[in-house]
Amino acid sequence: MKDFELQAPASIPFIGFLLQAREVGSTSPVGSFDLTAGSAQQLTCSGKLNSAVSHRSESMKTSIQATWRPEDSASEKPVQFCASVVQNYKTFWVDVRSPLLTFNNDSTGVSSSNPPTTPLKTSPTTVKTTVHPAASPAVSISDCDVTKVCFSQPSNCDPSVSTDCYFMSARVLFPSEGAVRYEMTGPSEGYIAFGFSDDQIMGNDDIYICGTGSDGLVQLQHAFSTGRTAPQTLPLGNVSDVRASVQGGVISCSFTSMNTLSTVRTTGLNKSYHLMFAYGPSNNGQIQFHRNTFISAEKINISLPERVRKAGWPDIIKAHGALMLIAWMTMGSMGMVVARYRTRFANAKKLWGKDVWFLVHVPMMSVTVATTVIAFILPFSYVKAWSGGAHPVLGCLVLILSFIQTVMALLRCGPQHPLRFLFNWTHALNGLGIKALAVAAILTGLKLIDGSLDQWLMKTMGGFVGWEVLFYILLNVSLKTKVHRKDALVSKMVTADFLILSLFLLGNLTFLVALLVGIGKS
């Protein structure tokens, strides 16, 4: 017989647990347990009486002890104790394992090492084993491109340092047997997944999914993707040593698989595949359409250790981002500034019977709206689905309000109409709202495509917004100052306004070029 103890690290109690003894390579329990603690209860698993021990209540515990007895007809295979531990409903561990154990013919009758070469023999000797649950499965960047293939977003991020790191790795353990140790981790409210594909488009992909089930616990699934519909769940197959956890919103899984890789067109461990990583929400254990995904630039043979380079965004998505930047951070900005500070140019000569500011404002805003429509159509024509979180929602709002703004402008009343002030205020406030939503849409879009560790695109966009705010303040101060000036100084102030606008345009173009280059390289 053997005493077993499940012990938590200091000051970290747990409320639930499940203990079993299993022969190495098997998922069925062996032997039986005698209880030594009142906070536990015996269970019947796989038809075997008292073959498992679990908690009796949700009271706080720091350790559990039980005595395990091997079966009379025990085989010669080594035995390993397996445990699942629940600290709370958000933090738990599965498949926590003890060292391999067997009984020898020495004085103690017990060993805790590698599989034995002598026959298994029962002994009345009592031995104590302690199992410490780790904070999460061992997912790290150690040995990347040395013994394992690593793939991450942002590139080269460290999941042990950053909670915003999406990471997966594959280490071939026994090539002849096709055994591969996989790791994956990343922040998600539902699931994370990686797969193997013949191309960079979803469909005919061999996938492993790590996600929270309807009971809130993390589960590992094997699946096959057939396109843009929910993947078909497959039997987990020849998978062992599964370790999974969710902590602080970060889901982590590690496991060993001897399943054959297959995408229908390509089968085998030593073949090359595109690596795919996706994450998204789930509903009662059923995965929903992914929030985001990233794919390897080239096909990868996981038998050859390397750091995998992420594929760039499709040109059509880059064009979408570029058009939105041009529309709302250059053309739209200039059109709005000219309209907002039109009184500064009241003395300017008219052209074709129209004020110069009006002849500048209307074409610029018309091009802005047209560019927005084109930019809106491009990603939906490519993705053919709704994904990306808040970004598409913001984009839709920008398009809807832009359409309303255009209709209002076409149906506006005359300058001398008594209700003209209603149009002026509504038009101005709606324009300001569109601008704010467009900036938010651009920021969320850049966050999706910015794969750099220092988030360079996001920081540059932040500088762009700060630049515009600064010049809005300068122009507004200049506008207020004019009211208190004498007419003799007006012409000089108009000249200063043109200089401010010129500097504003030059700065906008500089930021725009920097962001366009960044998008092109993303």
Protein backbone atom coordinates (compact mmCIF):
# COMPACT_ATOMS: atom_id res chain seq x y z
CA MET A 1 0.00 0.00 0.00
CA LYS A 2 1.02 3.64 -0.36
CA ASP A 3 0.12 6.90 1.33
CA PHE A 4 -0.67 9.75 -1.05
CA GLU A 5 -0.77 13.43 -0.19
CA LEU A 6 -1.97 16.31 -2.33
CA GLN A 7 -0.44 19.45 -0.86
CA ALA A 8 -0.87 23.06 -1.95
CA PRO A 9 1.99 25.58 -1.90
CA ALA A 10 2.10 27.72 1.22
CA SER A 11 -0.86 30.07 1.71
CA ILE A 12 -2.68 28.88 -1.42
CA PRO A 13 -5.63 26.71 -0.31
CA PHE A 14 -7.89 24.86 -2.71
CA ILE A 15 -11.58 23.89 -2.60
CA GLY A 16 -11.83 20.90 -4.93
CA PHE A 17 -9.76 17.99 -6.18
CA LEU A 18 -9.83 14.57 -7.82
CA LEU A 19 -7.14 11.89 -7.30
CA GLN A 20 -6.52 8.71 -9.26
CA ALA A 21 -3.70 6.23 -9.75
CA ARG A 22 -3.05 5.11 -13.32
CA GLU A 23 -0.61 2.85 -15.05
CA VAL A 24 1.69 4.78 -17.35
CA GLY A 25 0.18 4.96 -20.82
CA SER A 26 -3.36 4.26 -19.59
CA THR A 27 -6.28 6.53 -18.71
CA SER A 28 -8.11 3.95 -16.56
CA PRO A 29 -7.69 4.02 -12.75
CA VAL A 30 -5.96 1.17 -10.93
CA GLY A 31 -5.97 0.13 -7.28
CA SER A 32 -8.20 1.51 -4.53
CA PHE A 33 -8.02 4.23 -1.89
CA ASP A 34 -8.58 4.19 1.87
CA LEU A 35 -9.38 7.57 3.37
CA THR A 36 -7.44 9.23 6.18
CA ALA A 37 -9.23 12.60 6.04
CA GLY A 38 -12.86 13.49 6.69
CA SER A 39 -12.96 16.18 3.96
CA ALA A 40 -12.63 13.58 1.18
CA GLN A 41 -14.82 10.86 -0.28
CA GLN A 42 -14.20 7.72 -2.32
CA LEU A 43 -15.55 7.42 -5.87
CA THR A 44 -16.21 4.57 -8.27
CA CYS A 45 -14.63 5.28 -11.67
CA SER A 46 -14.68 3.01 -14.73
CA GLY A 47 -16.64 0.49 -12.69
CA LYS A 48 -13.86 0.12 -10.09
CA LEU A 49 -14.89 0.63 -6.48
CA ASN A 50 -12.98 3.30 -4.49
CA SER A 51 -10.64 3.89 -7.45
CA ALA A 52 -10.65 7.67 -6.97
CA VAL A 53 -10.83 10.26 -4.20
CA SER A 54 -12.57 13.64 -4.41
CA HIS A 55 -13.62 16.52 -2.14
CA ARG A 56 -16.70 16.22 0.03
CA SER A 57 -17.38 19.98 0.26
CA GLU A 58 -16.04 23.32 -1.01
CA SER A 59 -14.29 24.09 2.27
CA MET A 60 -10.74 25.45 2.06
CA LYS A 61 -8.04 22.78 2.16
CA THR A 62 -4.24 22.87 2.12
CA SER A 63 -3.54 19.12 1.91
CA ILE A 64 -5.32 15.81 1.43
CA GLN A 65 -4.02 12.37 2.46
CA ALA A 66 -5.19 8.97 1.32
CA THR A 67 -3.80 5.43 1.32
CA TRP A 68 -3.64 3.63 -1.99
CA ARG A 69 -3.62 -0.16 -2.37
CA PRO A 70 -2.51 -1.84 -5.61
CA GLU A 71 -4.59 -4.59 -7.14
CA ASP A 72 -3.71 -8.19 -6.37
CA SER A 73 -3.18 -8.88 -10.08
CA ALA A 74 -1.14 -5.76 -10.71
CA SER A 75 0.94 -5.63 -13.89
CA GLU A 76 4.59 -4.72 -14.07
CA LYS A 77 3.93 -1.25 -15.45
CA PRO A 78 4.90 1.78 -13.31
CA VAL A 79 2.12 3.75 -11.63
CA GLN A 80 1.59 7.50 -11.54
CA PHE A 81 -0.81 9.48 -9.35
CA CYS A 82 -2.89 12.06 -11.25
CA ALA A 83 -4.77 14.98 -9.73
CA SER A 84 -7.04 17.86 -10.75
CA VAL A 85 -7.12 20.79 -8.32
CA VAL A 86 -9.55 23.73 -8.11
CA GLN A 87 -8.42 26.86 -6.26
CA ASN A 88 -11.50 28.82 -7.36
CA TYR A 89 -13.78 28.94 -10.36
CA LYS A 90 -11.26 30.93 -12.37
CA THR A 91 -8.03 29.22 -11.31
CA PHE A 92 -7.60 25.47 -11.51
CA TRP A 93 -5.16 22.81 -12.71
CA VAL A 94 -5.73 19.52 -14.47
CA ASP A 95 -3.55 16.45 -14.91
CA VAL A 96 -1.06 17.29 -12.14
CA ARG A 97 1.17 14.21 -11.88
CA SER A 98 3.50 12.60 -9.35
CA PRO A 99 6.81 10.94 -10.27
CA LEU A 100 6.62 7.41 -11.70
CA LEU A 101 6.32 4.87 -8.89
CA THR A 102 6.81 1.15 -8.63
CA PHE A 103 7.54 -1.51 -5.97
CA ASN A 104 10.92 -3.18 -5.91
CA ASN A 105 12.43 -6.02 -3.94
CA ASP A 106 14.71 -3.78 -1.93
CA SER A 107 14.30 -2.92 1.75
CA THR A 108 11.80 -0.13 1.17
CA GLY A 109 9.84 -1.94 -1.48
CA VAL A 110 9.25 1.32 -3.34
CA SER A 111 11.01 3.43 -5.93
CA SER A 112 10.16 6.79 -7.48
CA SER A 113 12.08 6.92 -10.72
CA ASN A 114 11.98 5.56 -14.25
CA PRO A 115 10.04 2.42 -15.24
CA PRO A 116 11.45 -0.63 -13.41
CA THR A 117 13.24 -3.65 -14.80
CA THR A 118 12.24 -5.92 -11.86
CA PRO A 119 8.74 -7.37 -11.41
CA LEU A 120 6.16 -5.32 -9.54
CA LYS A 121 5.67 -6.59 -6.00
CA THR A 122 3.18 -5.44 -3.37
CA SER A 123 4.57 -4.47 -0.03
CA PRO A 124 3.11 -3.30 3.29
CA THR A 125 5.61 -0.47 3.37
CA THR A 126 3.96 3.00 3.56
CA VAL A 127 5.57 5.81 1.53
CA LYS A 128 4.47 9.46 1.30
CA THR A 129 4.34 11.35 -2.01
CA THR A 130 3.65 15.08 -2.36
CA VAL A 131 2.22 16.67 -5.54
CA HIS A 132 2.49 20.43 -6.02
CA PRO A 133 0.22 21.92 -8.72
CA ALA A 134 2.06 24.40 -10.91
CA ALA A 135 0.61 27.86 -11.56
CA SER A 136 0.04 26.87 -15.20
CA PRO A 137 1.35 24.38 -17.77
CA ALA A 138 5.04 24.88 -18.49
CA VAL A 139 4.78 27.13 -21.56
CA SER A 140 7.99 29.04 -22.28
CA ILE A 141 10.25 30.32 -25.04
CA SER A 142 13.20 28.30 -23.74
CA ASP A 143 14.76 26.14 -26.47
CA CYS A 144 12.90 27.94 -29.24
CA ASP A 145 14.69 27.25 -32.56
CA VAL A 146 16.97 24.85 -30.64
CA THR A 147 14.74 21.87 -29.93
CA LYS A 148 11.30 23.19 -30.82
CA VAL A 149 9.37 25.26 -33.33
CA CYS A 150 7.88 28.46 -31.86
CA PHE A 151 5.21 30.74 -33.25
CA SER A 152 3.94 33.88 -31.49
CA GLN A 153 2.11 37.19 -31.74
CA PRO A 154 3.68 39.70 -31.18
CA SER A 155 6.80 38.22 -32.74
CA ASN A 156 9.26 36.76 -30.22
CA CYS A 157 7.08 37.64 -27.22
CA ASP A 158 7.59 35.71 -23.97
CA PRO A 159 4.40 34.26 -22.41
CA SER A 160 6.09 34.04 -19.01
CA VAL A 161 6.60 37.82 -19.05
CA SER A 162 3.69 39.26 -21.04
CA THR A 163 0.03 38.31 -20.52
CA ASP A 164 -0.71 39.70 -24.00
CA CYS A 165 1.44 37.06 -25.71
CA TYR A 166 -0.16 34.45 -27.99
CA PHE A 167 2.30 31.57 -28.26
CA MET A 168 2.52 27.97 -29.45
CA SER A 169 5.42 25.55 -29.76
CA ALA A 170 6.00 22.03 -31.04
CA ARG A 171 8.84 19.73 -29.92
CA VAL A 172 9.25 16.33 -31.56
CA LEU A 173 10.00 13.84 -28.77
CA PHE A 174 10.17 10.50 -30.61
CA PRO A 175 10.26 10.90 -34.41
CA SER A 176 9.87 7.18 -35.06
CA GLU A 177 6.68 7.07 -33.00
CA GLY A 178 5.39 10.48 -34.12
CA ALA A 179 5.26 11.86 -30.56
CA VAL A 180 5.15 15.67 -30.37
CA ARG A 181 4.91 17.86 -27.28
CA TYR A 182 2.73 20.91 -27.97
CA GLU A 183 2.30 24.10 -25.93
CA MET A 184 -0.09 27.01 -26.44
CA THR A 185 -1.12 30.01 -24.39
CA GLY A 186 -2.82 33.37 -24.80
CA PRO A 187 -5.42 35.73 -23.34
CA SER A 188 -8.96 34.84 -24.38
CA GLU A 189 -12.49 34.84 -23.00
CA GLY A 190 -13.27 31.48 -24.61
CA TYR A 191 -10.61 29.50 -26.40
CA ILE A 192 -7.25 29.46 -28.12
CA ALA A 193 -6.35 27.11 -30.95
CA PHE A 194 -3.60 26.22 -33.37
CA GLY A 195 -3.69 24.15 -36.52
CA PHE A 196 -1.84 22.86 -39.56
CA SER A 197 -2.88 23.91 -43.06
CA ASP A 198 -1.76 23.46 -46.65
CA ASP A 199 -2.39 27.14 -47.35
CA GLN A 200 -3.07 30.41 -45.58
CA ILE A 201 -6.85 30.11 -45.86
CA MET A 202 -9.01 28.26 -43.35
CA GLY A 203 -10.31 24.93 -44.60
CA ASN A 204 -8.98 21.34 -44.41
CA ASP A 205 -6.94 22.13 -41.30
CA ASP A 206 -5.86 19.80 -38.48
CA ILE A 207 -6.65 21.72 -35.27
CA TYR A 208 -6.19 21.49 -31.51
CA ILE A 209 -8.45 23.69 -29.38
CA CYS A 210 -7.93 24.62 -25.73
CA GLY A 211 -10.99 26.30 -24.28
CA THR A 212 -13.32 26.63 -21.32
CA GLY A 213 -16.22 24.19 -21.24
CA SER A 214 -19.76 24.70 -19.98
CA ASP A 215 -18.51 23.84 -16.46
CA GLY A 216 -15.85 26.56 -16.62
CA LEU A 217 -12.98 24.07 -16.77
CA VAL A 218 -10.38 24.07 -19.53
CA GLN A 219 -10.75 21.27 -22.06
CA LEU A 220 -8.57 20.10 -24.95
CA GLN A 221 -10.26 19.21 -28.23
CA HIS A 222 -9.06 17.78 -31.52
CA ALA A 223 -10.92 19.06 -34.57
CA PHE A 224 -10.85 19.42 -38.34
CA SER A 225 -11.75 22.66 -40.11
CA THR A 226 -13.82 22.51 -43.28
CA GLY A 227 -13.96 26.24 -43.99
CA ARG A 228 -15.63 29.23 -42.38
CA THR A 229 -18.03 27.06 -40.39
CA ALA A 230 -17.49 25.56 -36.94
CA PRO A 231 -14.78 22.87 -37.11
CA GLN A 232 -15.78 19.21 -36.81
CA THR A 233 -14.82 17.74 -33.44
CA LEU A 234 -12.70 14.60 -33.66
CA PRO A 235 -11.84 12.00 -31.01
CA LEU A 236 -8.91 13.27 -28.95
CA GLY A 237 -7.01 10.20 -30.05
CA ASN A 238 -3.56 9.24 -28.87
CA VAL A 239 -2.99 12.25 -26.62
CA SER A 240 -1.41 12.10 -23.17
CA ASP A 241 0.04 14.25 -20.38
CA VAL A 242 -2.54 17.00 -20.89
CA ARG A 243 -2.03 20.04 -18.67
CA ALA A 244 -4.39 22.98 -18.85
CA SER A 245 -5.28 26.05 -16.83
CA VAL A 246 -6.91 29.47 -17.03
CA GLN A 247 -5.51 32.21 -14.84
CA GLY A 248 -6.13 35.93 -15.10
CA GLY A 249 -7.93 35.44 -18.41
CA VAL A 250 -4.92 33.61 -19.92
CA ILE A 251 -5.63 30.08 -21.18
CA SER A 252 -2.71 27.64 -21.30
CA CYS A 253 -2.43 24.04 -22.49
CA SER A 254 0.39 21.57 -23.03
CA PHE A 255 0.08 17.96 -24.16
CA THR A 256 1.83 15.14 -25.99
CA SER A 257 0.22 13.83 -29.16
CA MET A 258 1.00 10.80 -31.27
CA ASN A 259 -1.86 11.53 -33.68
CA THR A 260 -0.93 11.62 -37.34
CA LEU A 261 -1.01 15.11 -38.85
CA SER A 262 -3.38 15.22 -41.79
CA THR A 263 -4.96 17.96 -43.91
CA VAL A 264 -6.36 15.43 -46.43
CA ARG A 265 -3.95 16.62 -49.11
CA THR A 266 -0.90 16.23 -46.86
CA THR A 267 -0.30 13.57 -44.20
CA GLY A 268 2.71 12.91 -41.99
CA LEU A 269 4.91 14.43 -39.34
CA ASN A 270 7.86 15.22 -41.61
CA LYS A 271 5.78 17.19 -44.10
CA SER A 272 5.52 20.99 -44.26
CA TYR A 273 2.43 22.92 -43.20
CA HIS A 274 1.36 26.48 -42.56
CA LEU A 275 0.88 27.08 -38.84
CA MET A 276 -2.32 28.87 -37.83
CA PHE A 277 -3.24 30.36 -34.45
CA ALA A 278 -6.71 31.67 -33.57
CA TYR A 279 -8.61 32.79 -30.50
CA GLY A 280 -12.14 33.85 -29.70
CA PRO A 281 -15.19 33.50 -27.45
CA SER A 282 -17.13 30.37 -26.55
CA ASN A 283 -20.70 29.76 -25.44
CA ASN A 284 -21.38 26.86 -23.06
CA GLY A 285 -18.25 25.15 -24.30
CA GLN A 286 -19.06 25.71 -28.01
CA ILE A 287 -16.44 27.82 -29.76
CA GLN A 288 -17.62 30.88 -31.69
CA PHE A 289 -16.09 32.61 -34.70
CA HIS A 290 -12.56 33.68 -33.87
CA ARG A 291 -11.73 37.25 -32.87
CA ASN A 292 -8.40 37.15 -34.66
CA THR A 293 -5.96 34.78 -36.29
CA PHE A 294 -2.36 34.82 -37.50
CA ILE A 295 -0.65 32.47 -39.92
CA SER A 296 2.94 31.54 -40.72
CA ALA A 297 4.53 33.20 -43.73
CA GLU A 298 5.97 29.93 -45.04
CA LYS A 299 5.22 26.25 -44.65
CA ILE A 300 6.97 24.76 -41.63
CA ASN A 301 8.29 21.28 -40.87
CA ILE A 302 7.90 20.97 -37.09
CA SER A 303 10.69 18.39 -37.03
CA LEU A 304 13.11 21.23 -37.82
CA PRO A 305 13.33 23.67 -34.85
CA GLU A 306 12.99 27.36 -35.71
CA ARG A 307 11.19 30.59 -34.83
CA VAL A 308 8.35 30.95 -37.27
CA ARG A 309 7.78 34.24 -39.05
CA LYS A 310 4.20 35.47 -39.14
CA ALA A 311 2.65 36.17 -42.53
CA GLY A 312 1.92 39.77 -43.41
CA TRP A 313 -1.60 41.07 -43.82
CA PRO A 314 -3.19 40.71 -47.29
CA ASP A 315 -2.79 43.70 -49.57
CA ILE A 316 -6.55 44.29 -49.60
CA ILE A 317 -6.57 44.71 -45.80
CA LYS A 318 -3.56 47.02 -46.00
CA ALA A 319 -5.37 49.07 -48.66
CA HIS A 320 -8.37 49.33 -46.31
CA GLY A 321 -6.19 50.76 -43.54
CA ALA A 322 -4.37 53.13 -45.88
CA LEU A 323 -7.62 54.52 -47.31
CA MET A 324 -9.10 55.12 -43.86
CA LEU A 325 -5.96 56.99 -42.80
CA ILE A 326 -6.00 59.14 -45.94
CA ALA A 327 -9.73 59.79 -45.55
CA TRP A 328 -9.95 60.80 -41.89
CA MET A 329 -6.45 61.87 -40.88
CA THR A 330 -5.62 63.99 -43.94
CA MET A 331 -8.47 64.83 -46.34
CA GLY A 332 -11.18 64.86 -43.68
CA SER A 333 -9.02 66.76 -41.21
CA MET A 334 -8.24 69.53 -43.66
CA GLY A 335 -11.86 69.78 -44.82
CA MET A 336 -13.11 70.07 -41.23
CA VAL A 337 -10.44 72.60 -40.19
CA VAL A 338 -11.22 74.86 -43.15
CA ALA A 339 -14.94 74.77 -42.33
CA ARG A 340 -14.45 75.25 -38.58
CA TYR A 341 -12.24 78.31 -39.00
CA ARG A 342 -13.90 79.73 -42.11
CA THR A 343 -14.44 83.13 -40.43
CA ARG A 344 -10.66 83.58 -40.48
CA PHE A 345 -10.89 83.73 -44.28
CA ALA A 346 -14.04 85.85 -44.52
CA ASN A 347 -12.11 88.60 -46.28
CA ALA A 348 -10.76 86.24 -48.89
CA LYS A 349 -11.96 86.74 -52.47
CA LYS A 350 -14.73 84.57 -53.79
CA LEU A 351 -14.28 82.16 -56.66
CA TRP A 352 -17.13 81.37 -59.07
CA GLY A 353 -19.44 83.15 -56.67
CA LYS A 354 -18.59 80.85 -53.78
CA ASP A 355 -16.43 81.35 -50.70
CA VAL A 356 -12.99 79.81 -51.07
CA TRP A 357 -13.38 77.81 -47.82
CA PHE A 358 -16.57 76.25 -49.19
CA LEU A 359 -14.88 75.28 -52.45
CA VAL A 360 -12.16 73.56 -50.41
CA HIS A 361 -14.46 71.96 -47.82
CA VAL A 362 -17.01 70.31 -50.15
CA PRO A 363 -14.56 68.45 -52.47
CA MET A 364 -12.41 67.31 -49.55
CA MET A 365 -15.33 65.93 -47.56
CA SER A 366 -16.87 64.37 -50.68
CA VAL A 367 -13.62 62.52 -51.38
CA THR A 368 -13.44 61.56 -47.71
CA VAL A 369 -16.90 59.94 -47.77
CA ALA A 370 -16.21 58.19 -51.10
CA THR A 371 -12.91 56.86 -49.77
CA THR A 372 -14.66 55.66 -46.60
CA VAL A 373 -17.21 53.70 -48.65
CA ILE A 374 -14.46 52.02 -50.68
CA ALA A 375 -12.42 51.27 -47.54
CA PHE A 376 -15.52 49.77 -45.90
CA ILE A 377 -16.24 47.41 -48.81
CA LEU A 378 -12.69 46.04 -49.17
CA PRO A 379 -12.32 44.01 -45.93
CA PHE A 380 -15.86 42.58 -46.06
CA SER A 381 -15.34 41.48 -49.66
CA TYR A 382 -12.20 39.63 -48.55
CA VAL A 383 -13.18 38.21 -45.15
CA LYS A 384 -16.87 37.57 -46.00
CA ALA A 385 -17.57 37.38 -42.25
CA TRP A 386 -17.82 39.52 -39.14
CA SER A 387 -14.64 39.44 -37.05
CA GLY A 388 -12.22 41.76 -35.30
CA GLY A 389 -14.13 42.79 -32.17
CA ALA A 390 -14.88 46.51 -31.84
CA HIS A 391 -13.13 47.53 -35.07
CA PRO A 392 -15.89 46.59 -37.56
CA VAL A 393 -18.55 48.06 -35.26
CA LEU A 394 -16.75 51.41 -35.21
CA GLY A 395 -16.26 51.23 -38.96
CA CYS A 396 -19.99 50.68 -39.52
CA LEU A 397 -20.83 53.66 -37.31
CA VAL A 398 -18.41 55.85 -39.27
CA LEU A 399 -20.03 54.81 -42.55
CA ILE A 400 -23.61 55.32 -41.29
CA LEU A 401 -22.91 58.75 -39.82
CA SER A 402 -21.00 59.78 -42.95
CA PHE A 403 -24.06 58.92 -45.03
CA ILE A 404 -26.30 60.93 -42.67
CA GLN A 405 -23.84 63.85 -42.86
CA THR A 406 -23.98 63.81 -46.65
CA VAL A 407 -27.79 63.74 -46.72
CA MET A 408 -27.97 66.63 -44.25
CA ALA A 409 -25.59 68.68 -46.36
CA LEU A 410 -27.64 68.08 -49.53
CA LEU A 411 -30.92 69.00 -47.79
CA ARG A 412 -29.62 72.01 -45.85
CA CYS A 413 -31.63 75.21 -45.76
CA GLY A 414 -30.33 78.53 -47.09
CA PRO A 415 -27.81 80.69 -45.20
CA GLN A 416 -30.50 83.25 -44.30
CA HIS A 417 -33.09 80.73 -43.14
CA PRO A 418 -34.14 81.25 -39.46
CA LEU A 419 -33.44 77.56 -38.69
CA ARG A 420 -30.04 77.53 -40.36
CA PHE A 421 -28.35 77.47 -36.95
CA LEU A 422 -29.87 74.01 -36.32
CA PHE A 423 -28.17 72.67 -39.43
CA ASN A 424 -24.88 74.34 -38.52
CA TRP A 425 -24.80 72.82 -35.03
CA THR A 426 -26.05 69.38 -36.10
CA HIS A 427 -23.63 69.24 -39.02
CA ALA A 428 -20.71 70.31 -36.83
CA LEU A 429 -21.46 67.91 -33.93
CA ASN A 430 -22.08 64.98 -36.26
CA GLY A 431 -18.79 65.72 -38.03
CA LEU A 432 -16.98 65.79 -34.69
CA GLY A 433 -18.58 62.46 -33.74
CA ILE A 434 -17.52 60.88 -37.03
CA LYS A 435 -13.97 62.12 -36.52
CA ALA A 436 -13.80 60.62 -33.00
CA LEU A 437 -15.20 57.29 -34.15
CA ALA A 438 -12.86 57.22 -37.15
CA VAL A 439 -9.84 57.77 -34.89
CA ALA A 440 -11.07 54.97 -32.58
CA ALA A 441 -11.61 52.66 -35.59
CA ILE A 442 -8.12 53.39 -36.91
CA LEU A 443 -6.54 52.75 -33.50
CA THR A 444 -8.34 49.41 -33.05
CA GLY A 445 -7.45 48.46 -36.61
CA LEU A 446 -3.78 49.28 -36.13
CA LYS A 447 -3.78 47.23 -32.93
CA LEU A 448 -4.93 44.22 -34.95
CA ILE A 449 -2.14 44.48 -37.50
CA ASP A 450 0.67 45.86 -35.33
CA GLY A 451 2.82 42.81 -34.65
CA SER A 452 5.78 44.69 -33.16
CA LEU A 453 6.71 44.26 -29.50
CA ASP A 454 6.83 48.03 -28.94
CA GLN A 455 3.52 48.65 -30.76
CA TRP A 456 5.20 51.21 -33.05
CA LEU A 457 2.15 51.81 -35.23
CA MET A 458 -0.06 52.48 -32.20
CA LYS A 459 2.44 54.96 -30.76
CA THR A 460 2.80 56.78 -34.08
CA MET A 461 -0.97 57.05 -34.39
CA GLY A 462 -1.08 58.42 -30.85
CA GLY A 463 1.43 61.08 -31.90
CA PHE A 464 -0.70 61.83 -34.96
CA VAL A 465 -3.78 62.44 -32.81
CA GLY A 466 -1.78 64.61 -30.40
CA TRP A 467 -0.46 66.67 -33.32
CA GLU A 468 -3.99 67.36 -34.57
CA VAL A 469 -5.26 68.28 -31.09
CA LEU A 470 -2.36 70.71 -30.65
CA PHE A 471 -3.16 72.56 -33.87
CA TYR A 472 -6.87 72.62 -33.17
CA ILE A 473 -6.02 74.43 -29.94
CA LEU A 474 -3.67 76.85 -31.72
CA LEU A 475 -6.26 77.68 -34.37
CA ASN A 476 -8.98 78.09 -31.78
CA VAL A 477 -6.81 80.49 -29.76
CA SER A 478 -6.08 82.41 -32.94
CA LEU A 479 -9.80 82.56 -33.74
CA LYS A 480 -10.69 83.93 -30.31
CA THR A 481 -7.86 86.45 -30.47
CA LYS A 482 -9.15 87.96 -33.71
CA VAL A 483 -12.33 89.15 -31.98
CA HIS A 484 -10.28 91.45 -29.74
CA ARG A 485 -8.02 92.76 -32.48
CA LYS A 486 -8.36 95.93 -34.54
CA ASP A 487 -9.12 95.68 -38.22
CA ALA A 488 -5.62 96.86 -39.13
CA LEU A 489 -4.16 93.60 -37.77
CA VAL A 490 -6.62 91.25 -39.44
CA SER A 491 -4.66 90.82 -42.67
CA LYS A 492 -1.49 89.90 -40.75
CA MET A 493 -3.42 87.36 -38.69
CA VAL A 494 -4.89 85.79 -41.84
CA THR A 495 -1.34 85.33 -43.12
CA ALA A 496 -0.41 83.67 -39.81
CA ASP A 497 -3.42 81.36 -40.16
CA PHE A 498 -2.25 80.21 -43.57
CA LEU A 499 1.18 79.47 -42.11
CA ILE A 500 -0.40 77.45 -39.28
CA LEU A 501 -2.52 75.52 -41.78
CA SER A 502 0.51 74.86 -43.96
CA LEU A 503 2.47 73.53 -40.98
CA PHE A 504 -0.56 71.47 -39.94
CA LEU A 505 -0.80 69.92 -43.41
CA LEU A 506 2.95 69.22 -43.52
CA GLY A 507 2.83 67.46 -40.15
CA ASN A 508 -0.20 65.43 -41.16
CA LEU A 509 1.49 64.28 -44.33
CA THR A 510 4.63 63.29 -42.38
CA PHE A 511 2.64 61.15 -39.93
CA LEU A 512 0.57 59.74 -42.78
CA VAL A 513 3.64 58.60 -44.74
CA ALA A 514 5.14 57.00 -41.61
CA LEU A 515 1.94 55.06 -40.92
CA LEU A 516 1.51 54.01 -44.54
CA VAL A 517 5.06 52.63 -44.57
CA GLY A 518 4.34 50.81 -41.29
CA ILE A 519 1.14 49.30 -42.68
CA GLY A 520 2.98 48.22 -45.82
CA LYS A 521 5.56 46.36 -43.72
CA SER A 522 3.06 44.86 -41.25
